[in-house]
Structures are given as structure tokens and as C-alpha cells.
Amino acid sequence: MDKKFEEMNIKEKIEAIEEVLKKDILPMLAFDGGYAEVVDVRDAQNDETHVFIRYGGACAACSSAGGATLFAIEETLRKKLNSDKIRVFPI
């Protein structure tokens, strides 16, 4: 990735997030019979990027979806995109 995440426009951010989701997050969720999809991505006023996801499959009813799994998704995005300004919210 040539451009820093914070320097990307919203379209580039969505593409980068989708790529990490596809390569690093969905296989982890699929192992337990679940999945997640990005519903919306917004730049917030505090320079954060807010990622809104919807769980499906086993993840939709899992008690970890709002805690440990959500934290793992957020941390994976932050690490892979080299940004601590990403927040993930389930909807």
C-alpha cells in the first residue's frame, strides 16, 4: 500500500477495508460458521474512520460478536491498515 490510510479518500478506504476483510477476517469468521459485511464507512469529525458491519451466519447470534470478535476485527483492520484511527461498530 503506497498511500497512508489517513490520506486515502473514502472510496480508497472502503476498498482497503474490504480487502482486509476478505483476506484476513472472513476466513477467521467462516471457521466458526459466520461472516461479516461492511455496511457503511464514514469519516468522523475526530479524524477517525468509522466502519459499520453486519454479522451473519453463526456470528449473528454469537455472544462474542459485540465483544471479543468485534475487538479482533477492529485490531486486525488497525494493524493491516497501519492506523489507530479505525473504529468498528456492529449494526
N, C-alpha and C. Protein backbone atom coordinates (compact mmCIF):
# COMPACT_ATOMS: atom_id res chain seq x y z
N MET A 1 0.86 -1.18 0.00
CA MET A 1 0.00 0.00 0.00
C MET A 1 0.91 1.24 0.00
N ASP A 2 0.77 2.06 -1.01
CA ASP A 2 1.62 3.23 -1.16
C ASP A 2 1.16 4.41 -0.33
N LYS A 3 -0.12 4.56 -0.19
CA LYS A 3 -0.69 5.73 0.48
C LYS A 3 -1.10 5.36 1.90
N LYS A 4 -0.84 6.26 2.85
CA LYS A 4 -1.29 6.03 4.23
C LYS A 4 -2.81 6.02 4.28
N PHE A 5 -3.35 5.20 5.19
CA PHE A 5 -4.80 5.08 5.30
C PHE A 5 -5.46 6.44 5.52
N GLU A 6 -4.89 7.25 6.40
CA GLU A 6 -5.47 8.56 6.72
C GLU A 6 -5.48 9.50 5.52
N GLU A 7 -4.62 9.25 4.54
CA GLU A 7 -4.53 10.11 3.35
C GLU A 7 -5.47 9.66 2.23
N MET A 8 -6.08 8.50 2.40
CA MET A 8 -6.96 7.97 1.36
C MET A 8 -8.30 8.70 1.35
N ASN A 9 -8.92 8.74 0.17
CA ASN A 9 -10.29 9.24 0.11
C ASN A 9 -11.21 8.11 0.55
N ILE A 10 -12.46 8.40 0.72
CA ILE A 10 -13.39 7.41 1.29
C ILE A 10 -13.51 6.17 0.41
N LYS A 11 -13.48 6.33 -0.89
CA LYS A 11 -13.56 5.18 -1.81
C LYS A 11 -12.35 4.27 -1.62
N GLU A 12 -11.16 4.86 -1.51
CA GLU A 12 -9.94 4.07 -1.31
C GLU A 12 -9.97 3.37 0.06
N LYS A 13 -10.48 4.06 1.07
CA LYS A 13 -10.59 3.45 2.40
C LYS A 13 -11.51 2.24 2.36
N ILE A 14 -12.65 2.37 1.69
CA ILE A 14 -13.60 1.26 1.59
C ILE A 14 -12.94 0.07 0.90
N GLU A 15 -12.23 0.32 -0.19
CA GLU A 15 -11.54 -0.75 -0.91
C GLU A 15 -10.50 -1.43 -0.03
N ALA A 16 -9.73 -0.65 0.72
CA ALA A 16 -8.70 -1.20 1.59
C ALA A 16 -9.33 -2.03 2.72
N ILE A 17 -10.40 -1.53 3.30
CA ILE A 17 -11.10 -2.24 4.37
C ILE A 17 -11.68 -3.55 3.84
N GLU A 18 -12.31 -3.51 2.67
CA GLU A 18 -12.90 -4.71 2.06
C GLU A 18 -11.82 -5.76 1.79
N GLU A 19 -10.65 -5.31 1.35
CA GLU A 19 -9.55 -6.24 1.06
C GLU A 19 -9.09 -6.95 2.33
N VAL A 20 -8.92 -6.21 3.42
CA VAL A 20 -8.52 -6.82 4.70
C VAL A 20 -9.62 -7.75 5.18
N LEU A 21 -10.85 -7.34 5.05
CA LEU A 21 -11.97 -8.18 5.46
C LEU A 21 -11.93 -9.51 4.72
N LYS A 22 -11.76 -9.43 3.41
CA LYS A 22 -11.75 -10.62 2.57
C LYS A 22 -10.58 -11.55 2.88
N LYS A 23 -9.40 -10.99 3.04
CA LYS A 23 -8.19 -11.80 3.22
C LYS A 23 -7.96 -12.27 4.65
N ASP A 24 -8.25 -11.42 5.62
CA ASP A 24 -7.83 -11.71 6.99
C ASP A 24 -8.95 -11.96 7.99
N ILE A 25 -10.12 -11.42 7.75
CA ILE A 25 -11.18 -11.50 8.75
C ILE A 25 -12.22 -12.57 8.40
N LEU A 26 -12.70 -12.57 7.17
CA LEU A 26 -13.75 -13.53 6.79
C LEU A 26 -13.32 -14.98 6.97
N PRO A 27 -12.08 -15.35 6.63
CA PRO A 27 -11.68 -16.75 6.88
C PRO A 27 -11.77 -17.13 8.37
N MET A 28 -11.41 -16.21 9.24
CA MET A 28 -11.48 -16.45 10.68
C MET A 28 -12.94 -16.66 11.11
N LEU A 29 -13.84 -15.82 10.61
CA LEU A 29 -15.25 -15.94 10.97
C LEU A 29 -15.89 -17.18 10.36
N ALA A 30 -15.49 -17.50 9.13
CA ALA A 30 -16.05 -18.66 8.43
C ALA A 30 -15.71 -19.96 9.15
N PHE A 31 -14.57 -19.98 9.83
CA PHE A 31 -14.15 -21.16 10.58
C PHE A 31 -15.21 -21.55 11.61
N ASP A 32 -15.91 -20.57 12.15
CA ASP A 32 -16.97 -20.82 13.13
C ASP A 32 -18.37 -20.70 12.52
N GLY A 33 -18.46 -20.66 11.19
CA GLY A 33 -19.75 -20.64 10.53
C GLY A 33 -20.40 -19.27 10.42
N GLY A 34 -19.61 -18.22 10.52
CA GLY A 34 -20.17 -16.87 10.45
C GLY A 34 -19.53 -16.03 9.38
N TYR A 35 -20.00 -14.82 9.28
CA TYR A 35 -19.41 -13.86 8.35
C TYR A 35 -19.78 -12.45 8.81
N ALA A 36 -19.17 -11.48 8.19
CA ALA A 36 -19.48 -10.08 8.44
C ALA A 36 -19.39 -9.34 7.12
N GLU A 37 -20.20 -8.30 6.98
CA GLU A 37 -20.14 -7.47 5.79
C GLU A 37 -20.08 -6.01 6.20
N VAL A 38 -19.36 -5.24 5.41
CA VAL A 38 -19.28 -3.81 5.66
C VAL A 38 -20.55 -3.18 5.10
N VAL A 39 -21.26 -2.45 5.96
CA VAL A 39 -22.50 -1.80 5.55
C VAL A 39 -22.24 -0.34 5.22
N ASP A 40 -21.33 0.29 5.95
CA ASP A 40 -21.05 1.71 5.73
C ASP A 40 -19.67 2.04 6.28
N VAL A 41 -19.03 3.02 5.68
CA VAL A 41 -17.75 3.56 6.15
C VAL A 41 -17.88 5.07 6.12
N ARG A 42 -17.57 5.71 7.24
CA ARG A 42 -17.69 7.17 7.32
C ARG A 42 -16.47 7.78 7.99
N ASP A 43 -16.06 8.93 7.50
CA ASP A 43 -15.04 9.71 8.17
C ASP A 43 -15.71 10.51 9.27
N ALA A 44 -15.23 10.38 10.50
CA ALA A 44 -15.80 11.10 11.63
C ALA A 44 -15.04 12.41 11.84
N GLN A 45 -15.64 13.31 12.62
CA GLN A 45 -15.05 14.63 12.85
C GLN A 45 -13.73 14.56 13.61
N ASN A 46 -13.49 13.51 14.37
CA ASN A 46 -12.28 13.40 15.18
C ASN A 46 -11.16 12.69 14.43
N ASP A 47 -11.18 12.73 13.11
CA ASP A 47 -10.19 12.11 12.24
C ASP A 47 -10.22 10.59 12.27
N GLU A 48 -11.23 10.00 12.90
CA GLU A 48 -11.38 8.56 12.88
C GLU A 48 -12.19 8.15 11.65
N THR A 49 -12.00 6.90 11.27
CA THR A 49 -12.83 6.29 10.24
C THR A 49 -13.72 5.28 10.95
N HIS A 50 -15.02 5.42 10.81
CA HIS A 50 -15.97 4.52 11.44
C HIS A 50 -16.45 3.49 10.42
N VAL A 51 -16.31 2.23 10.78
CA VAL A 51 -16.70 1.12 9.92
C VAL A 51 -17.89 0.43 10.57
N PHE A 52 -18.99 0.35 9.84
CA PHE A 52 -20.20 -0.27 10.35
C PHE A 52 -20.36 -1.62 9.68
N ILE A 53 -20.44 -2.68 10.51
CA ILE A 53 -20.53 -4.04 9.97
C ILE A 53 -21.82 -4.71 10.43
N ARG A 54 -22.24 -5.68 9.64
CA ARG A 54 -23.39 -6.52 9.98
C ARG A 54 -22.88 -7.95 10.00
N TYR A 55 -23.19 -8.64 11.08
CA TYR A 55 -22.83 -10.05 11.21
C TYR A 55 -23.89 -10.92 10.57
N GLY A 56 -23.47 -12.10 10.13
CA GLY A 56 -24.39 -13.07 9.59
C GLY A 56 -23.94 -14.47 9.98
N GLY A 57 -24.76 -15.45 9.64
CA GLY A 57 -24.45 -16.83 9.99
C GLY A 57 -24.37 -16.99 11.50
N ALA A 58 -23.45 -17.80 11.97
CA ALA A 58 -23.30 -18.06 13.40
C ALA A 58 -22.95 -16.80 14.18
N CYS A 59 -22.31 -15.83 13.52
CA CYS A 59 -21.90 -14.59 14.21
C CYS A 59 -23.11 -13.75 14.63
N ALA A 60 -24.21 -13.87 13.91
CA ALA A 60 -25.38 -13.04 14.20
C ALA A 60 -25.94 -13.31 15.59
N ALA A 61 -25.80 -14.53 16.07
CA ALA A 61 -26.35 -14.88 17.38
C ALA A 61 -25.28 -15.12 18.43
N CYS A 62 -24.04 -14.90 18.08
CA CYS A 62 -22.93 -15.20 18.99
C CYS A 62 -22.75 -14.10 20.03
N SER A 63 -22.57 -14.50 21.27
CA SER A 63 -22.38 -13.51 22.34
C SER A 63 -21.05 -12.78 22.22
N SER A 64 -20.08 -13.36 21.53
CA SER A 64 -18.77 -12.71 21.34
C SER A 64 -18.78 -11.65 20.25
N ALA A 65 -19.84 -11.60 19.45
CA ALA A 65 -19.89 -10.69 18.30
C ALA A 65 -19.73 -9.23 18.70
N GLY A 66 -20.27 -8.87 19.84
CA GLY A 66 -20.19 -7.48 20.28
C GLY A 66 -18.97 -7.19 21.14
N GLY A 67 -18.21 -8.23 21.48
CA GLY A 67 -17.06 -8.05 22.36
C GLY A 67 -15.77 -8.50 21.71
N ALA A 68 -15.38 -9.73 21.98
CA ALA A 68 -14.09 -10.25 21.53
C ALA A 68 -13.95 -10.26 20.01
N THR A 69 -15.00 -10.67 19.32
CA THR A 69 -14.94 -10.73 17.86
C THR A 69 -14.84 -9.32 17.28
N LEU A 70 -15.62 -8.42 17.80
CA LEU A 70 -15.59 -7.03 17.34
C LEU A 70 -14.20 -6.43 17.57
N PHE A 71 -13.64 -6.68 18.75
CA PHE A 71 -12.30 -6.19 19.07
C PHE A 71 -11.27 -6.78 18.11
N ALA A 72 -11.38 -8.07 17.80
CA ALA A 72 -10.44 -8.72 16.88
C ALA A 72 -10.54 -8.11 15.48
N ILE A 73 -11.75 -7.83 15.03
CA ILE A 73 -11.93 -7.22 13.71
C ILE A 73 -11.30 -5.83 13.69
N GLU A 74 -11.58 -5.03 14.71
CA GLU A 74 -11.03 -3.67 14.78
C GLU A 74 -9.51 -3.71 14.84
N GLU A 75 -8.95 -4.57 15.66
CA GLU A 75 -7.49 -4.66 15.77
C GLU A 75 -6.84 -5.15 14.48
N THR A 76 -7.49 -6.09 13.80
CA THR A 76 -6.95 -6.57 12.52
C THR A 76 -6.94 -5.45 11.49
N LEU A 77 -8.02 -4.69 11.40
CA LEU A 77 -8.06 -3.56 10.47
C LEU A 77 -6.99 -2.53 10.82
N ARG A 78 -6.86 -2.21 12.09
CA ARG A 78 -5.86 -1.22 12.52
C ARG A 78 -4.45 -1.68 12.17
N LYS A 79 -4.17 -2.95 12.44
CA LYS A 79 -2.82 -3.47 12.18
C LYS A 79 -2.52 -3.53 10.68
N LYS A 80 -3.42 -4.10 9.92
CA LYS A 80 -3.19 -4.29 8.48
C LYS A 80 -3.18 -2.97 7.72
N LEU A 81 -3.94 -1.98 8.20
CA LEU A 81 -4.01 -0.69 7.52
C LEU A 81 -3.13 0.36 8.20
N ASN A 82 -2.41 -0.06 9.22
CA ASN A 82 -1.45 0.80 9.91
C ASN A 82 -2.08 2.12 10.38
N SER A 83 -3.21 1.99 11.08
CA SER A 83 -3.91 3.17 11.56
C SER A 83 -4.61 2.85 12.88
N ASP A 84 -4.42 3.72 13.87
CA ASP A 84 -5.13 3.55 15.13
C ASP A 84 -6.41 4.38 15.16
N LYS A 85 -6.79 4.92 14.02
CA LYS A 85 -7.96 5.78 13.93
C LYS A 85 -9.15 5.09 13.27
N ILE A 86 -9.21 3.76 13.40
CA ILE A 86 -10.32 2.99 12.84
C ILE A 86 -11.15 2.47 14.01
N ARG A 87 -12.45 2.70 13.93
CA ARG A 87 -13.40 2.18 14.93
C ARG A 87 -14.43 1.35 14.20
N VAL A 88 -14.77 0.21 14.77
CA VAL A 88 -15.74 -0.70 14.15
C VAL A 88 -16.97 -0.78 15.04
N PHE A 89 -18.14 -0.67 14.40
CA PHE A 89 -19.42 -0.70 15.10
C PHE A 89 -20.33 -1.74 14.47
N PRO A 90 -20.93 -2.61 15.28
CA PRO A 90 -21.90 -3.56 14.71
C PRO A 90 -23.27 -2.90 14.57
N ILE A 91 -23.99 -3.28 13.54
CA ILE A 91 -25.37 -2.77 13.40
C ILE A 91 -26.32 -3.92 13.17
